[in-house]
Amino acid sequence: QAQLVESGGGLVQVGGSLRLSCAASRTLFSANAVAWYRQAPGKQRDLVARISSGGSTQYADSVKGRFTISRDNGKNTVYLQMNSLKPEDTAVYYCNVQPRAGTEYWGQGTQVTVSS
């Protein structure tokens, strides 16, 4: 069964860094793009970053230059390195894989809180 497990969230001060991890089952991870989304209280879930199976990346404008997405195919894991964190980065961060049209998988989410 497909499974995504996020980790690495926590409480950090403004300007600090965190690295999130998303571990996926091998069947789900291979040949698929993986994305990070985030959802703040009372707001919609928004795309933060995506990495293709070949390593191409895209970022939301709000995180460009501060966040870096990467993947370790040997470990079936995708990372989100978050630097220069701001209070507006506070949210639950979710890992997402869409292996085909109409099918997607989500992790349970990991809370990131940036205190000012």
C-alpha atoms as a PDB file:
ATOM      1  CA  GLN A   1       0.000   0.000   0.000  1.00  0.00           C
ATOM      2  CA  ALA A   2       1.238   3.426  -0.879  1.00  0.00           C
ATOM      3  CA  GLN A   3       2.608   5.339   2.080  1.00  0.00           C
ATOM      4  CA  LEU A   4       4.169   8.720   2.674  1.00  0.00           C
ATOM      5  CA  VAL A   5       5.671   9.646   6.031  1.00  0.00           C
ATOM      6  CA  GLU A   6       6.839  13.166   6.795  1.00  0.00           C
ATOM      7  CA  SER A   7       9.199  14.155   9.573  1.00  0.00           C
ATOM      8  CA  GLY A   8      11.417  17.030  10.639  1.00  0.00           C
ATOM      9  CA  GLY A   9       8.932  19.681  11.619  1.00  0.00           C
ATOM     10  CA  GLY A  10       9.167  21.661  14.816  1.00  0.00           C
ATOM     11  CA  LEU A  11       9.450  25.064  16.431  1.00  0.00           C
ATOM     12  CA  VAL A  12      12.118  27.443  15.176  1.00  0.00           C
ATOM     13  CA  GLN A  13      12.854  31.129  15.534  1.00  0.00           C
ATOM     14  CA  VAL A  14      12.683  33.618  12.704  1.00  0.00           C
ATOM     15  CA  GLY A  15      15.694  33.231  10.451  1.00  0.00           C
ATOM     16  CA  GLY A  16      16.258  29.653  11.477  1.00  0.00           C
ATOM     17  CA  SER A  17      16.319  26.475   9.425  1.00  0.00           C
ATOM     18  CA  LEU A  18      14.591  23.125   9.313  1.00  0.00           C
ATOM     19  CA  ARG A  19      14.850  20.132   7.044  1.00  0.00           C
ATOM     20  CA  LEU A  20      11.739  18.116   6.333  1.00  0.00           C
ATOM     21  CA  SER A  21      11.846  14.557   5.084  1.00  0.00           C
ATOM     22  CA  CYS A  22       9.265  12.544   3.181  1.00  0.00           C
ATOM     23  CA  ALA A  23       9.851   8.827   3.057  1.00  0.00           C
ATOM     24  CA  ALA A  24       7.839   6.933   0.482  1.00  0.00           C
ATOM     25  CA  SER A  25       7.340   3.348  -0.475  1.00  0.00           C
ATOM     26  CA  ARG A  26       9.555   2.321  -3.339  1.00  0.00           C
ATOM     27  CA  THR A  27       6.640   1.625  -5.669  1.00  0.00           C
ATOM     28  CA  LEU A  28       5.301   5.093  -5.098  1.00  0.00           C
ATOM     29  CA  PHE A  29       8.588   6.941  -5.146  1.00  0.00           C
ATOM     30  CA  SER A  30      10.192   5.621  -8.294  1.00  0.00           C
ATOM     31  CA  ALA A  31       9.400   7.406 -11.563  1.00  0.00           C
ATOM     32  CA  ASN A  32       7.090   9.923  -9.855  1.00  0.00           C
ATOM     33  CA  ALA A  33       7.344  13.564  -9.033  1.00  0.00           C
ATOM     34  CA  VAL A  34       7.030  14.413  -5.353  1.00  0.00           C
ATOM     35  CA  ALA A  35       5.700  17.666  -3.998  1.00  0.00           C
ATOM     36  CA  TRP A  36       5.523  19.543  -0.721  1.00  0.00           C
ATOM     37  CA  TYR A  37       2.387  21.485   0.124  1.00  0.00           C
ATOM     38  CA  ARG A  38       1.548  23.517   3.194  1.00  0.00           C
ATOM     39  CA  GLN A  39      -1.618  24.616   4.886  1.00  0.00           C
ATOM     40  CA  ALA A  40      -1.861  27.368   7.450  1.00  0.00           C
ATOM     41  CA  PRO A  41      -4.901  27.615   9.762  1.00  0.00           C
ATOM     42  CA  GLY A  42      -7.928  28.884   7.900  1.00  0.00           C
ATOM     43  CA  LYS A  43      -6.152  28.857   4.556  1.00  0.00           C
ATOM     44  CA  GLN A  44      -6.071  26.555   1.555  1.00  0.00           C
ATOM     45  CA  ARG A  45      -3.369  24.014   0.951  1.00  0.00           C
ATOM     46  CA  ASP A  46      -0.759  25.480  -1.374  1.00  0.00           C
ATOM     47  CA  LEU A  47       2.101  24.044  -3.371  1.00  0.00           C
ATOM     48  CA  VAL A  48       5.512  24.848  -1.913  1.00  0.00           C
ATOM     49  CA  ALA A  49       7.891  22.884  -4.127  1.00  0.00           C
ATOM     50  CA  ARG A  50       7.957  19.948  -6.510  1.00  0.00           C
ATOM     51  CA  ILE A  51      10.716  17.716  -7.812  1.00  0.00           C
ATOM     52  CA  SER A  52      10.371  15.456 -10.827  1.00  0.00           C
ATOM     53  CA  SER A  53      11.693  11.933 -11.058  1.00  0.00           C
ATOM     54  CA  GLY A  54      14.607  13.358 -13.023  1.00  0.00           C
ATOM     55  CA  GLY A  55      15.370  16.056 -10.483  1.00  0.00           C
ATOM     56  CA  SER A  56      13.788  19.107 -12.088  1.00  0.00           C
ATOM     57  CA  THR A  57      12.424  21.468  -9.481  1.00  0.00           C
ATOM     58  CA  GLN A  58       9.836  24.193  -9.141  1.00  0.00           C
ATOM     59  CA  TYR A  59       9.040  26.495  -6.246  1.00  0.00           C
ATOM     60  CA  ALA A  60       6.360  28.826  -5.087  1.00  0.00           C
ATOM     61  CA  ASP A  61       7.454  32.435  -5.422  1.00  0.00           C
ATOM     62  CA  SER A  62       7.195  32.909  -1.677  1.00  0.00           C
ATOM     63  CA  VAL A  63       9.944  30.362  -0.966  1.00  0.00           C
ATOM     64  CA  LYS A  64      12.305  30.827  -3.910  1.00  0.00           C
ATOM     65  CA  GLY A  65      15.855  31.373  -2.733  1.00  0.00           C
ATOM     66  CA  ARG A  66      15.071  30.111   0.772  1.00  0.00           C
ATOM     67  CA  PHE A  67      13.813  26.543   0.318  1.00  0.00           C
ATOM     68  CA  THR A  68      15.465  23.697  -1.553  1.00  0.00           C
ATOM     69  CA  ILE A  69      13.806  20.439  -2.527  1.00  0.00           C
ATOM     70  CA  SER A  70      15.911  17.367  -3.249  1.00  0.00           C
ATOM     71  CA  ARG A  71      15.504  13.628  -3.505  1.00  0.00           C
ATOM     72  CA  ASP A  72      17.561  10.588  -2.615  1.00  0.00           C
ATOM     73  CA  ASN A  73      16.369   7.817  -4.886  1.00  0.00           C
ATOM     74  CA  GLY A  74      18.382   5.222  -3.007  1.00  0.00           C
ATOM     75  CA  LYS A  75      16.513   6.028   0.191  1.00  0.00           C
ATOM     76  CA  ASN A  76      13.131   6.730  -1.441  1.00  0.00           C
ATOM     77  CA  THR A  77      13.137  10.055   0.372  1.00  0.00           C
ATOM     78  CA  VAL A  78      12.499  13.656  -0.598  1.00  0.00           C
ATOM     79  CA  TYR A  79      13.811  16.541   1.479  1.00  0.00           C
ATOM     80  CA  LEU A  80      12.782  20.127   1.901  1.00  0.00           C
ATOM     81  CA  GLN A  81      15.554  22.298   3.282  1.00  0.00           C
ATOM     82  CA  MET A  82      14.023  25.477   4.646  1.00  0.00           C
ATOM     83  CA  ASN A  83      16.279  28.419   5.468  1.00  0.00           C
ATOM     84  CA  SER A  84      15.630  31.991   6.546  1.00  0.00           C
ATOM     85  CA  LEU A  85      12.279  30.961   7.930  1.00  0.00           C
ATOM     86  CA  LYS A  86       9.587  33.578   8.437  1.00  0.00           C
ATOM     87  CA  PRO A  87       6.460  33.588  10.602  1.00  0.00           C
ATOM     88  CA  GLU A  88       4.364  33.246   7.446  1.00  0.00           C
ATOM     89  CA  ASP A  89       6.013  29.880   6.806  1.00  0.00           C
ATOM     90  CA  THR A  90       4.129  28.518   9.804  1.00  0.00           C
ATOM     91  CA  ALA A  91       1.880  25.713   8.565  1.00  0.00           C
ATOM     92  CA  VAL A  92       1.380  21.993   8.393  1.00  0.00           C
ATOM     93  CA  TYR A  93       3.577  20.667   5.613  1.00  0.00           C
ATOM     94  CA  TYR A  94       2.400  17.716   3.543  1.00  0.00           C
ATOM     95  CA  CYS A  95       4.136  15.432   1.108  1.00  0.00           C
ATOM     96  CA  ASN A  96       2.224  14.535  -2.058  1.00  0.00           C
ATOM     97  CA  VAL A  97       2.600  12.105  -4.938  1.00  0.00           C
ATOM     98  CA  GLN A  98       0.301  11.888  -7.956  1.00  0.00           C
ATOM     99  CA  PRO A  99       1.333   8.765  -9.844  1.00  0.00           C
ATOM    100  CA  ARG A 100      -1.425   9.140 -12.438  1.00  0.00           C
ATOM    101  CA  ALA A 101      -4.363  11.339 -13.257  1.00  0.00           C
ATOM    102  CA  GLY A 102      -7.068  11.086 -10.651  1.00  0.00           C
ATOM    103  CA  THR A 103      -4.885   9.389  -8.070  1.00  0.00           C
ATOM    104  CA  GLU A 104      -2.859  11.072  -5.372  1.00  0.00           C
ATOM    105  CA  TYR A 105      -1.396  10.221  -1.998  1.00  0.00           C
ATOM    106  CA  TRP A 106      -0.772  12.439   1.004  1.00  0.00           C
ATOM    107  CA  GLY A 107       1.279  12.049   4.120  1.00  0.00           C
ATOM    108  CA  GLN A 108      -0.050  12.822   7.582  1.00  0.00           C
ATOM    109  CA  GLY A 109       1.660  16.213   7.691  1.00  0.00           C
ATOM    110  CA  THR A 110       4.297  17.743   9.932  1.00  0.00           C
ATOM    111  CA  GLN A 111       3.869  21.003  11.820  1.00  0.00           C
ATOM    112  CA  VAL A 112       6.311  23.841  11.270  1.00  0.00           C
ATOM    113  CA  THR A 113       6.048  26.810  13.603  1.00  0.00           C
ATOM    114  CA  VAL A 114       8.215  29.895  13.202  1.00  0.00           C
ATOM    115  CA  SER A 115       8.222  32.186  16.209  1.00  0.00           C
ATOM    116  CA  SER A 116       9.044  35.871  16.054  1.00  0.00           C
END
